[in-house]
Amino acid sequence: MKLIVRLGQGRTPMSNHGMNNEVIISCAVTGAGDTVGKHPAIPVTPRQIADAAIEAAKAGAAIAHLHVRNVETGKAGRDLANYREAVQLVRESGTDVVINLTAGMGGDFVYDPSNPSVAGSGSDMIDAAARLAHVEDTRPEICTLDCGSLNFGNGAYIATADLLRDMAARIQKMGVKPEIEAFELGHIWLAKQLIAEGLIDSPPLFQICLGIPWGAEATTEAMLTMRNHLPADCNWAGFAIGRNQMGFVAQSMLLGGNVRVGLEDNIWLDKGVHATNGTLVARAKEIVERLGGRTLTPAEARIKLGLKKQR
């Protein structure tokens, strides 16, 4: 087992702390949360998920972040055929958007009090190759890399350092850009270790994820502190869930970052008004423009993020 010793815990100075005036909007169109039944039109089928990505792109999103669901139950799913179909439908639509696939499934651990040495009911634990099977098959431009473990609701999400080394090496070999999702400061520290080991190419891409129980809270202080520990040469974005979503569009932009919205993180546009992915992206775009910025196209985002051309 390797020890993480190359990098200290101190902050890494950022090259630019100014406001970001050229903003990439990502839209997380469905997620894996228990939102079906709480919203009349959560995307569930591959066609619905693809249509949601296309809707988001037409509203101004440069990146569409995709999960798939079990088409029978609407619950979280990881069926390879569903990923293949959703990605193909987006690609064949004629709508340009950067596809970002989750690689965060397969790390769910639920404690079994009757037998603590094994995972309990509701756990879903798979290895690095299985967590990336759909990425290997479809070759998106970006996939996520949830860079560490944390208590997650009433269970836990497990991603050990050596598992992440394995995943990062596989993603690098595929030529896919990892979006490093950081839910607390330790995740940034671990990501910087992977970068130091040559497992993540420059410039790295980070996503600061706030308000997810029990990671970093959705506060200005949390986002600022996490931003201050990012590598100087990175691109980054940030978001907060629920009612904090739009406030943190502005907050992330003001701190120099890009932004993320979408039904994965928030199902409401206004009080009592259900959102769509398109209306959330349009609202985010309006915020960016009212703050004096502009949103980047998918082509511009590819250049800014240093993406490699895939299929």
C-alpha atoms as a PDB file:
ATOM      1  CA  MET A   1       0.000   0.000   0.000  1.00  0.00           C
ATOM      2  CA  LYS A   2       1.495   3.359  -0.993  1.00  0.00           C
ATOM      3  CA  LEU A   3       1.544   6.219   1.455  1.00  0.00           C
ATOM      4  CA  ILE A   4       0.565   9.688   0.371  1.00  0.00           C
ATOM      5  CA  VAL A   5       3.679  11.620   1.286  1.00  0.00           C
ATOM      6  CA  ARG A   6       4.751  13.686  -1.692  1.00  0.00           C
ATOM      7  CA  LEU A   7       2.446  16.601  -1.124  1.00  0.00           C
ATOM      8  CA  GLY A   8       1.795  18.562   2.028  1.00  0.00           C
ATOM      9  CA  GLN A   9      -1.517  19.886   3.208  1.00  0.00           C
ATOM     10  CA  GLY A  10      -0.720  23.563   2.715  1.00  0.00           C
ATOM     11  CA  ARG A  11      -2.504  25.642   0.119  1.00  0.00           C
ATOM     12  CA  THR A  12      -1.209  25.880  -3.429  1.00  0.00           C
ATOM     13  CA  PRO A  13      -1.282  29.458  -4.765  1.00  0.00           C
ATOM     14  CA  MET A  14      -3.655  29.899  -7.675  1.00  0.00           C
ATOM     15  CA  SER A  15      -2.390  31.770 -10.701  1.00  0.00           C
ATOM     16  CA  ASN A  16      -5.572  33.828 -10.985  1.00  0.00           C
ATOM     17  CA  HIS A  17      -8.009  34.714  -8.231  1.00  0.00           C
ATOM     18  CA  GLY A  18     -10.064  37.121 -10.349  1.00  0.00           C
ATOM     19  CA  MET A  19     -13.637  36.692 -11.530  1.00  0.00           C
ATOM     20  CA  ASN A  20     -14.129  34.348 -14.474  1.00  0.00           C
ATOM     21  CA  ASN A  21     -15.660  36.236 -17.392  1.00  0.00           C
ATOM     22  CA  GLU A  22     -15.635  33.303 -19.832  1.00  0.00           C
ATOM     23  CA  VAL A  23     -17.738  30.631 -18.200  1.00  0.00           C
ATOM     24  CA  ILE A  24     -18.348  27.001 -19.095  1.00  0.00           C
ATOM     25  CA  ILE A  25     -21.812  25.784 -18.076  1.00  0.00           C
ATOM     26  CA  SER A  26     -22.128  22.073 -17.303  1.00  0.00           C
ATOM     27  CA  CYS A  27     -25.546  20.504 -16.946  1.00  0.00           C
ATOM     28  CA  ALA A  28     -25.991  17.341 -14.850  1.00  0.00           C
ATOM     29  CA  VAL A  29     -29.226  16.185 -16.396  1.00  0.00           C
ATOM     30  CA  THR A  30     -30.529  13.388 -14.153  1.00  0.00           C
ATOM     31  CA  GLY A  31     -28.113  11.973 -11.555  1.00  0.00           C
ATOM     32  CA  ALA A  32     -28.778   8.922  -9.432  1.00  0.00           C
ATOM     33  CA  GLY A  33     -30.775  10.464  -6.612  1.00  0.00           C
ATOM     34  CA  ASP A  34     -34.268   9.549  -5.460  1.00  0.00           C
ATOM     35  CA  THR A  35     -35.960  12.298  -7.496  1.00  0.00           C
ATOM     36  CA  VAL A  36     -38.394  10.252  -9.608  1.00  0.00           C
ATOM     37  CA  GLY A  37     -41.829  10.907  -8.129  1.00  0.00           C
ATOM     38  CA  LYS A  38     -40.698  14.247  -6.710  1.00  0.00           C
ATOM     39  CA  HIS A  39     -40.632  15.837 -10.175  1.00  0.00           C
ATOM     40  CA  PRO A  40     -42.979  15.090 -13.082  1.00  0.00           C
ATOM     41  CA  ALA A  41     -40.283  14.687 -15.743  1.00  0.00           C
ATOM     42  CA  ILE A  42     -36.998  13.327 -14.407  1.00  0.00           C
ATOM     43  CA  PRO A  43     -35.127  11.759 -17.367  1.00  0.00           C
ATOM     44  CA  VAL A  44     -35.055   7.974 -16.934  1.00  0.00           C
ATOM     45  CA  THR A  45     -34.783   6.212 -20.299  1.00  0.00           C
ATOM     46  CA  PRO A  46     -31.757   6.619 -22.587  1.00  0.00           C
ATOM     47  CA  ARG A  47     -33.916   8.615 -25.012  1.00  0.00           C
ATOM     48  CA  GLN A  48     -35.104  10.943 -22.245  1.00  0.00           C
ATOM     49  CA  ILE A  49     -31.551  11.391 -20.956  1.00  0.00           C
ATOM     50  CA  ALA A  50     -30.244  12.139 -24.445  1.00  0.00           C
ATOM     51  CA  ASP A  51     -33.083  14.596 -25.072  1.00  0.00           C
ATOM     52  CA  ALA A  52     -32.266  16.305 -21.762  1.00  0.00           C
ATOM     53  CA  ALA A  53     -28.629  16.692 -22.796  1.00  0.00           C
ATOM     54  CA  ILE A  54     -29.675  18.142 -26.142  1.00  0.00           C
ATOM     55  CA  GLU A  55     -32.126  20.518 -24.432  1.00  0.00           C
ATOM     56  CA  ALA A  56     -29.368  21.699 -22.082  1.00  0.00           C
ATOM     57  CA  ALA A  57     -26.959  22.255 -24.971  1.00  0.00           C
ATOM     58  CA  LYS A  58     -29.489  24.291 -26.923  1.00  0.00           C
ATOM     59  CA  ALA A  59     -30.050  26.445 -23.815  1.00  0.00           C
ATOM     60  CA  GLY A  60     -26.335  27.204 -23.533  1.00  0.00           C
ATOM     61  CA  ALA A  61     -24.580  24.335 -21.764  1.00  0.00           C
ATOM     62  CA  ALA A  62     -21.204  23.383 -23.215  1.00  0.00           C
ATOM     63  CA  ILE A  63     -21.025  20.116 -21.234  1.00  0.00           C
ATOM     64  CA  ALA A  64     -23.714  17.532 -20.471  1.00  0.00           C
ATOM     65  CA  HIS A  65     -22.998  15.293 -17.473  1.00  0.00           C
ATOM     66  CA  LEU A  66     -24.815  11.959 -17.807  1.00  0.00           C
ATOM     67  CA  HIS A  67     -25.913   9.175 -15.486  1.00  0.00           C
ATOM     68  CA  VAL A  68     -28.286   6.428 -16.578  1.00  0.00           C
ATOM     69  CA  ARG A  69     -31.128   4.900 -14.574  1.00  0.00           C
ATOM     70  CA  ASN A  70     -32.928   1.606 -14.321  1.00  0.00           C
ATOM     71  CA  VAL A  71     -35.644   2.094 -16.931  1.00  0.00           C
ATOM     72  CA  GLU A  72     -38.145  -0.036 -14.991  1.00  0.00           C
ATOM     73  CA  THR A  73     -37.744   1.499 -11.529  1.00  0.00           C
ATOM     74  CA  GLY A  74     -36.197   4.908 -12.213  1.00  0.00           C
ATOM     75  CA  LYS A  75     -33.569   4.170  -9.580  1.00  0.00           C
ATOM     76  CA  ALA A  76     -29.821   4.536 -10.064  1.00  0.00           C
ATOM     77  CA  GLY A  77     -28.447   2.229 -12.735  1.00  0.00           C
ATOM     78  CA  ARG A  78     -25.212   1.383 -14.526  1.00  0.00           C
ATOM     79  CA  ASP A  79     -26.330  -0.778 -17.444  1.00  0.00           C
ATOM     80  CA  LEU A  80     -23.783  -0.552 -20.253  1.00  0.00           C
ATOM     81  CA  ALA A  81     -26.421  -0.794 -22.974  1.00  0.00           C
ATOM     82  CA  ASN A  82     -28.236   2.241 -21.568  1.00  0.00           C
ATOM     83  CA  TYR A  83     -25.040   4.307 -21.577  1.00  0.00           C
ATOM     84  CA  ARG A  84     -24.254   3.192 -25.106  1.00  0.00           C
ATOM     85  CA  GLU A  85     -27.724   4.158 -26.340  1.00  0.00           C
ATOM     86  CA  ALA A  86     -27.825   7.542 -24.584  1.00  0.00           C
ATOM     87  CA  VAL A  87     -24.388   8.553 -25.858  1.00  0.00           C
ATOM     88  CA  GLN A  88     -25.160   7.405 -29.388  1.00  0.00           C
ATOM     89  CA  LEU A  89     -28.418   9.369 -29.444  1.00  0.00           C
ATOM     90  CA  VAL A  90     -26.652  12.561 -28.387  1.00  0.00           C
ATOM     91  CA  ARG A  91     -23.910  12.078 -30.951  1.00  0.00           C
ATOM     92  CA  GLU A  92     -26.356  11.393 -33.759  1.00  0.00           C
ATOM     93  CA  SER A  93     -28.574  14.357 -32.894  1.00  0.00           C
ATOM     94  CA  GLY A  94     -26.477  16.967 -34.689  1.00  0.00           C
ATOM     95  CA  THR A  95     -26.309  19.045 -31.489  1.00  0.00           C
ATOM     96  CA  ASP A  96     -22.768  19.767 -30.379  1.00  0.00           C
ATOM     97  CA  VAL A  97     -22.115  19.216 -26.666  1.00  0.00           C
ATOM     98  CA  VAL A  98     -19.205  17.817 -24.669  1.00  0.00           C
ATOM     99  CA  ILE A  99     -20.284  14.509 -23.101  1.00  0.00           C
ATOM    100  CA  ASN A 100     -19.179  13.906 -19.510  1.00  0.00           C
ATOM    101  CA  LEU A 101     -20.075  10.471 -18.121  1.00  0.00           C
ATOM    102  CA  THR A 102     -20.200   9.688 -14.433  1.00  0.00           C
ATOM    103  CA  ALA A 103     -17.798   7.035 -13.183  1.00  0.00           C
ATOM    104  CA  GLY A 104     -19.010   7.337  -9.622  1.00  0.00           C
ATOM    105  CA  MET A 105     -21.282   4.324  -9.431  1.00  0.00           C
ATOM    106  CA  GLY A 106     -20.171   1.085  -7.831  1.00  0.00           C
ATOM    107  CA  GLY A 107     -18.816   2.614  -4.636  1.00  0.00           C
ATOM    108  CA  ASP A 108     -21.888   2.501  -2.398  1.00  0.00           C
ATOM    109  CA  PHE A 109     -21.368   0.870   0.986  1.00  0.00           C
ATOM    110  CA  VAL A 110     -24.120   0.342   3.556  1.00  0.00           C
ATOM    111  CA  TYR A 111     -23.093  -0.859   7.009  1.00  0.00           C
ATOM    112  CA  ASP A 112     -24.629  -4.163   8.128  1.00  0.00           C
ATOM    113  CA  PRO A 113     -24.852  -4.042  11.933  1.00  0.00           C
ATOM    114  CA  SER A 114     -25.453  -7.803  12.126  1.00  0.00           C
ATOM    115  CA  ASN A 115     -22.215  -8.564  10.251  1.00  0.00           C
ATOM    116  CA  PRO A 116     -19.875  -5.549  10.163  1.00  0.00           C
ATOM    117  CA  SER A 117     -17.206  -7.383   8.133  1.00  0.00           C
ATOM    118  CA  VAL A 118     -19.364  -7.406   4.983  1.00  0.00           C
ATOM    119  CA  ALA A 119     -21.418  -4.875   3.053  1.00  0.00           C
ATOM    120  CA  GLY A 120     -25.105  -4.783   3.912  1.00  0.00           C
ATOM    121  CA  SER A 121     -28.239  -4.543   1.812  1.00  0.00           C
ATOM    122  CA  GLY A 122     -28.109  -1.621  -0.606  1.00  0.00           C
ATOM    123  CA  SER A 123     -24.345  -1.785  -1.130  1.00  0.00           C
ATOM    124  CA  ASP A 124     -22.943  -1.784  -4.658  1.00  0.00           C
ATOM    125  CA  MET A 125     -19.176  -2.266  -4.692  1.00  0.00           C
ATOM    126  CA  ILE A 126     -17.266  -2.960  -7.925  1.00  0.00           C
ATOM    127  CA  ASP A 127     -13.640  -2.632  -9.039  1.00  0.00           C
ATOM    128  CA  ALA A 128     -11.966   0.039 -11.169  1.00  0.00           C
ATOM    129  CA  ALA A 129     -12.452  -1.789 -14.469  1.00  0.00           C
ATOM    130  CA  ALA A 130     -16.178  -2.239 -13.847  1.00  0.00           C
ATOM    131  CA  ARG A 131     -16.600   1.389 -12.755  1.00  0.00           C
ATOM    132  CA  LEU A 132     -15.141   2.442 -16.108  1.00  0.00           C
ATOM    133  CA  ALA A 133     -16.625  -0.169 -18.451  1.00  0.00           C
ATOM    134  CA  HIS A 134     -19.054   2.300 -20.041  1.00  0.00           C
ATOM    135  CA  VAL A 135     -16.290   4.895 -20.450  1.00  0.00           C
ATOM    136  CA  GLU A 136     -14.066   2.348 -22.167  1.00  0.00           C
ATOM    137  CA  ASP A 137     -16.963   1.420 -24.464  1.00  0.00           C
ATOM    138  CA  THR A 138     -18.240   4.889 -25.437  1.00  0.00           C
ATOM    139  CA  ARG A 139     -15.103   7.074 -25.049  1.00  0.00           C
ATOM    140  CA  PRO A 140     -16.648  10.380 -23.961  1.00  0.00           C
ATOM    141  CA  GLU A 141     -14.470  13.469 -23.836  1.00  0.00           C
ATOM    142  CA  ILE A 142     -14.768  13.670 -20.015  1.00  0.00           C
ATOM    143  CA  CYS A 143     -15.625  11.272 -17.208  1.00  0.00           C
ATOM    144  CA  THR A 144     -15.755  11.920 -13.493  1.00  0.00           C
ATOM    145  CA  LEU A 145     -13.228  10.740 -10.922  1.00  0.00           C
ATOM    146  CA  ASP A 146     -14.673  11.035  -7.404  1.00  0.00           C
ATOM    147  CA  CYS A 147     -11.380  11.534  -5.643  1.00  0.00           C
ATOM    148  CA  GLY A 148     -11.938   9.972  -2.230  1.00  0.00           C
ATOM    149  CA  SER A 149     -14.324   8.333   0.198  1.00  0.00           C
ATOM    150  CA  LEU A 150     -16.908  10.056   2.366  1.00  0.00           C
ATOM    151  CA  ASN A 151     -19.990   9.435   4.453  1.00  0.00           C
ATOM    152  CA  PHE A 152     -22.813   9.797   1.954  1.00  0.00           C
ATOM    153  CA  GLY A 153     -26.301  10.180   3.401  1.00  0.00           C
ATOM    154  CA  ASN A 154     -26.828   7.189   5.686  1.00  0.00           C
ATOM    155  CA  GLY A 155     -24.224   5.086   3.908  1.00  0.00           C
ATOM    156  CA  ALA A 156     -20.774   5.721   2.506  1.00  0.00           C
ATOM    157  CA  TYR A 157     -19.074   6.184  -0.835  1.00  0.00           C
ATOM    158  CA  ILE A 158     -15.807   4.240  -1.054  1.00  0.00           C
ATOM    159  CA  ALA A 159     -12.921   5.194  -3.337  1.00  0.00           C
ATOM    160  CA  THR A 160      -9.566   4.237  -1.841  1.00  0.00           C
ATOM    161  CA  ALA A 161      -6.265   5.743  -2.943  1.00  0.00           C
ATOM    162  CA  ASP A 162      -5.118   2.619  -4.793  1.00  0.00           C
ATOM    163  CA  LEU A 163      -8.486   2.162  -6.500  1.00  0.00           C
ATOM    164  CA  LEU A 164      -8.248   5.778  -7.682  1.00  0.00           C
ATOM    165  CA  ARG A 165      -4.722   5.159  -8.949  1.00  0.00           C
ATOM    166  CA  ASP A 166      -6.096   2.262 -10.997  1.00  0.00           C
ATOM    167  CA  MET A 167      -9.006   4.335 -12.314  1.00  0.00           C
ATOM    168  CA  ALA A 168      -6.823   7.350 -13.144  1.00  0.00           C
ATOM    169  CA  ALA A 169      -4.344   5.192 -15.084  1.00  0.00           C
ATOM    170  CA  ARG A 170      -7.165   3.589 -17.088  1.00  0.00           C
ATOM    171  CA  ILE A 171      -8.794   6.961 -17.848  1.00  0.00           C
ATOM    172  CA  GLN A 172      -5.425   8.387 -18.934  1.00  0.00           C
ATOM    173  CA  LYS A 173      -4.809   5.448 -21.269  1.00  0.00           C
ATOM    174  CA  MET A 174      -8.241   5.985 -22.866  1.00  0.00           C
ATOM    175  CA  GLY A 175      -7.413   9.622 -23.635  1.00  0.00           C
ATOM    176  CA  VAL A 176     -10.430  10.816 -21.614  1.00  0.00           C
ATOM    177  CA  LYS A 177     -10.187  13.917 -19.393  1.00  0.00           C
ATOM    178  CA  PRO A 178     -11.002  13.104 -15.753  1.00  0.00           C
ATOM    179  CA  GLU A 179     -13.207  15.630 -13.986  1.00  0.00           C
ATOM    180  CA  ILE A 180     -11.952  15.379 -10.415  1.00  0.00           C
ATOM    181  CA  GLU A 181     -14.984  15.665  -8.143  1.00  0.00           C
ATOM    182  CA  ALA A 182     -13.981  16.943  -4.713  1.00  0.00           C
ATOM    183  CA  PHE A 183     -16.493  16.806  -1.872  1.00  0.00           C
ATOM    184  CA  GLU A 184     -14.028  17.936   0.824  1.00  0.00           C
ATOM    185  CA  LEU A 185     -10.442  19.147   1.189  1.00  0.00           C
ATOM    186  CA  GLY A 186      -8.890  15.701   1.493  1.00  0.00           C
ATOM    187  CA  HIS A 187     -10.114  14.844  -1.986  1.00  0.00           C
ATOM    188  CA  ILE A 188      -8.114  17.742  -3.435  1.00  0.00           C
ATOM    189  CA  TRP A 189      -5.023  16.615  -1.531  1.00  0.00           C
ATOM    190  CA  LEU A 190      -5.386  13.075  -2.910  1.00  0.00           C
ATOM    191  CA  ALA A 191      -5.953  14.389  -6.447  1.00  0.00           C
ATOM    192  CA  LYS A 192      -2.764  16.427  -6.239  1.00  0.00           C
ATOM    193  CA  GLN A 193      -0.927  13.241  -5.293  1.00  0.00           C
ATOM    194  CA  LEU A 194      -2.281  11.474  -8.395  1.00  0.00           C
ATOM    195  CA  ILE A 195      -1.156  14.444 -10.489  1.00  0.00           C
ATOM    196  CA  ALA A 196       2.318  14.285  -8.905  1.00  0.00           C
ATOM    197  CA  GLU A 197       2.506  10.578  -9.755  1.00  0.00           C
ATOM    198  CA  GLY A 198       1.805  11.374 -13.412  1.00  0.00           C
ATOM    199  CA  LEU A 199      -1.614   9.695 -13.444  1.00  0.00           C
ATOM    200  CA  ILE A 200      -3.574  12.828 -14.395  1.00  0.00           C
ATOM    201  CA  ASP A 201      -2.463  15.003 -17.306  1.00  0.00           C
ATOM    202  CA  SER A 202      -2.156  18.787 -17.250  1.00  0.00           C
ATOM    203  CA  PRO A 203      -4.210  20.878 -17.115  1.00  0.00           C
ATOM    204  CA  PRO A 204      -6.297  19.038 -14.506  1.00  0.00           C
ATOM    205  CA  LEU A 205     -10.037  19.651 -14.240  1.00  0.00           C
ATOM    206  CA  PHE A 206     -11.718  19.922 -10.821  1.00  0.00           C
ATOM    207  CA  GLN A 207     -15.361  20.108  -9.754  1.00  0.00           C
ATOM    208  CA  ILE A 208     -16.011  21.462  -6.229  1.00  0.00           C
ATOM    209  CA  CYS A 209     -19.186  19.756  -4.961  1.00  0.00           C
ATOM    210  CA  LEU A 210     -20.947  21.453  -2.049  1.00  0.00           C
ATOM    211  CA  GLY A 211     -23.922  20.709   0.156  1.00  0.00           C
ATOM    212  CA  ILE A 212     -23.956  16.907  -0.265  1.00  0.00           C
ATOM    213  CA  PRO A 213     -24.355  15.225   3.144  1.00  0.00           C
ATOM    214  CA  TRP A 214     -21.771  14.711   4.595  1.00  0.00           C
ATOM    215  CA  GLY A 215     -19.152  16.531   2.580  1.00  0.00           C
ATOM    216  CA  ALA A 216     -18.288  20.221   2.547  1.00  0.00           C
ATOM    217  CA  GLU A 217     -21.187  22.529   3.342  1.00  0.00           C
ATOM    218  CA  ALA A 218     -22.581  24.966   0.794  1.00  0.00           C
ATOM    219  CA  THR A 219     -20.896  28.091   2.133  1.00  0.00           C
ATOM    220  CA  THR A 220     -18.718  30.793   0.635  1.00  0.00           C
ATOM    221  CA  GLU A 221     -15.992  29.859   3.118  1.00  0.00           C
ATOM    222  CA  ALA A 222     -15.993  26.226   1.996  1.00  0.00           C
ATOM    223  CA  MET A 223     -15.779  27.063  -1.704  1.00  0.00           C
ATOM    224  CA  LEU A 224     -13.093  29.685  -1.138  1.00  0.00           C
ATOM    225  CA  THR A 225     -10.987  27.346   0.990  1.00  0.00           C
ATOM    226  CA  MET A 226     -11.248  24.489  -1.475  1.00  0.00           C
ATOM    227  CA  ARG A 227     -10.456  26.787  -4.391  1.00  0.00           C
ATOM    228  CA  ASN A 228      -7.365  28.025  -2.558  1.00  0.00           C
ATOM    229  CA  HIS A 229      -5.995  24.469  -2.375  1.00  0.00           C
ATOM    230  CA  LEU A 230      -6.362  23.721  -6.097  1.00  0.00           C
ATOM    231  CA  PRO A 231      -3.282  23.414  -8.328  1.00  0.00           C
ATOM    232  CA  ALA A 232      -2.268  26.663  -9.999  1.00  0.00           C
ATOM    233  CA  ASP A 233      -2.654  25.334 -13.550  1.00  0.00           C
ATOM    234  CA  CYS A 234      -6.083  23.743 -13.183  1.00  0.00           C
ATOM    235  CA  ASN A 235      -9.478  24.489 -14.653  1.00  0.00           C
ATOM    236  CA  TRP A 236     -12.273  24.244 -12.121  1.00  0.00           C
ATOM    237  CA  ALA A 237     -15.993  24.546 -11.614  1.00  0.00           C
ATOM    238  CA  GLY A 238     -18.206  24.483  -8.563  1.00  0.00           C
ATOM    239  CA  PHE A 239     -21.808  23.918  -7.593  1.00  0.00           C
ATOM    240  CA  ALA A 240     -24.159  23.518  -4.662  1.00  0.00           C
ATOM    241  CA  ILE A 241     -27.320  21.462  -4.509  1.00  0.00           C
ATOM    242  CA  GLY A 242     -30.958  22.361  -3.915  1.00  0.00           C
ATOM    243  CA  ARG A 243     -31.962  25.928  -3.195  1.00  0.00           C
ATOM    244  CA  ASN A 244     -28.316  27.002  -3.212  1.00  0.00           C
ATOM    245  CA  GLN A 245     -27.782  26.073  -6.866  1.00  0.00           C
ATOM    246  CA  MET A 246     -28.186  29.481  -8.483  1.00  0.00           C
ATOM    247  CA  GLY A 247     -26.480  31.404  -5.697  1.00  0.00           C
ATOM    248  CA  PHE A 248     -23.391  29.282  -6.264  1.00  0.00           C
ATOM    249  CA  VAL A 249     -23.481  29.889 -10.003  1.00  0.00           C
ATOM    250  CA  ALA A 250     -22.668  33.483  -9.106  1.00  0.00           C
ATOM    251  CA  GLN A 251     -20.327  32.468  -6.282  1.00  0.00           C
ATOM    252  CA  SER A 252     -18.250  30.145  -8.440  1.00  0.00           C
ATOM    253  CA  MET A 253     -17.963  32.699 -11.231  1.00  0.00           C
ATOM    254  CA  LEU A 254     -16.922  35.438  -8.790  1.00  0.00           C
ATOM    255  CA  LEU A 255     -14.187  33.181  -7.379  1.00  0.00           C
ATOM    256  CA  GLY A 256     -12.827  32.387 -10.850  1.00  0.00           C
ATOM    257  CA  GLY A 257     -14.598  29.126 -11.622  1.00  0.00           C
ATOM    258  CA  ASN A 258     -16.997  27.620 -14.113  1.00  0.00           C
ATOM    259  CA  VAL A 259     -20.491  26.475 -13.142  1.00  0.00           C
ATOM    260  CA  ARG A 260     -22.789  23.464 -13.013  1.00  0.00           C
ATOM    261  CA  VAL A 261     -26.580  23.238 -12.834  1.00  0.00           C
ATOM    262  CA  GLY A 262     -29.132  20.546 -13.688  1.00  0.00           C
ATOM    263  CA  LEU A 263     -31.830  18.265 -12.330  1.00  0.00           C
ATOM    264  CA  GLU A 264     -29.249  16.003 -10.692  1.00  0.00           C
ATOM    265  CA  ASP A 265     -28.613  18.750  -8.135  1.00  0.00           C
ATOM    266  CA  ASN A 266     -31.867  20.720  -7.962  1.00  0.00           C
ATOM    267  CA  ILE A 267     -35.407  20.098  -9.250  1.00  0.00           C
ATOM    268  CA  TRP A 268     -36.853  23.600  -8.719  1.00  0.00           C
ATOM    269  CA  LEU A 269     -36.586  26.748 -10.856  1.00  0.00           C
ATOM    270  CA  ASP A 270     -38.519  28.937  -8.421  1.00  0.00           C
ATOM    271  CA  LYS A 271     -40.581  28.215  -5.332  1.00  0.00           C
ATOM    272  CA  GLY A 272     -43.293  25.787  -6.406  1.00  0.00           C
ATOM    273  CA  VAL A 273     -42.091  25.737 -10.032  1.00  0.00           C
ATOM    274  CA  HIS A 274     -40.436  22.566 -11.266  1.00  0.00           C
ATOM    275  CA  ALA A 275     -37.369  23.125 -13.415  1.00  0.00           C
ATOM    276  CA  THR A 276     -36.205  21.492 -16.607  1.00  0.00           C
ATOM    277  CA  ASN A 277     -32.574  21.180 -17.533  1.00  0.00           C
ATOM    278  CA  GLY A 278     -33.133  23.815 -20.194  1.00  0.00           C
ATOM    279  CA  THR A 279     -34.644  26.353 -17.809  1.00  0.00           C
ATOM    280  CA  LEU A 280     -31.867  25.800 -15.259  1.00  0.00           C
ATOM    281  CA  VAL A 281     -29.193  26.361 -17.912  1.00  0.00           C
ATOM    282  CA  ALA A 282     -31.012  29.452 -19.189  1.00  0.00           C
ATOM    283  CA  ARG A 283     -31.174  30.868 -15.653  1.00  0.00           C
ATOM    284  CA  ALA A 284     -27.460  30.179 -15.119  1.00  0.00           C
ATOM    285  CA  LYS A 285     -26.611  31.820 -18.434  1.00  0.00           C
ATOM    286  CA  GLU A 286     -28.621  34.885 -17.432  1.00  0.00           C
ATOM    287  CA  ILE A 287     -26.699  35.133 -14.147  1.00  0.00           C
ATOM    288  CA  VAL A 288     -23.369  34.886 -15.967  1.00  0.00           C
ATOM    289  CA  GLU A 289     -24.349  37.584 -18.432  1.00  0.00           C
ATOM    290  CA  ARG A 290     -25.781  39.907 -15.776  1.00  0.00           C
ATOM    291  CA  LEU A 291     -22.442  39.673 -13.966  1.00  0.00           C
ATOM    292  CA  GLY A 292     -20.705  40.835 -17.140  1.00  0.00           C
ATOM    293  CA  GLY A 293     -19.481  37.494 -18.456  1.00  0.00           C
ATOM    294  CA  ARG A 294     -20.262  35.242 -21.369  1.00  0.00           C
ATOM    295  CA  THR A 295     -20.766  31.506 -21.700  1.00  0.00           C
ATOM    296  CA  LEU A 296     -18.452  29.404 -23.849  1.00  0.00           C
ATOM    297  CA  THR A 297     -19.535  27.167 -26.686  1.00  0.00           C
ATOM    298  CA  PRO A 298     -18.629  23.456 -26.682  1.00  0.00           C
ATOM    299  CA  ALA A 299     -15.827  24.169 -29.171  1.00  0.00           C
ATOM    300  CA  GLU A 300     -14.420  26.902 -26.933  1.00  0.00           C
ATOM    301  CA  ALA A 301     -14.742  24.681 -23.869  1.00  0.00           C
ATOM    302  CA  ARG A 302     -12.732  21.943 -25.593  1.00  0.00           C
ATOM    303  CA  ILE A 303      -9.870  24.368 -26.162  1.00  0.00           C
ATOM    304  CA  LYS A 304      -9.997  25.791 -22.640  1.00  0.00           C
ATOM    305  CA  LEU A 305     -10.027  22.357 -21.009  1.00  0.00           C
ATOM    306  CA  GLY A 306      -7.474  20.769 -23.329  1.00  0.00           C
ATOM    307  CA  LEU A 307      -9.788  17.946 -24.385  1.00  0.00           C
ATOM    308  CA  LYS A 308      -8.689  15.221 -26.756  1.00  0.00           C
ATOM    309  CA  LYS A 309     -10.894  14.463 -29.737  1.00  0.00           C
ATOM    310  CA  GLN A 310     -12.831  11.247 -29.235  1.00  0.00           C
ATOM    311  CA  ARG A 311     -15.361   9.486 -31.466  1.00  0.00           C
END
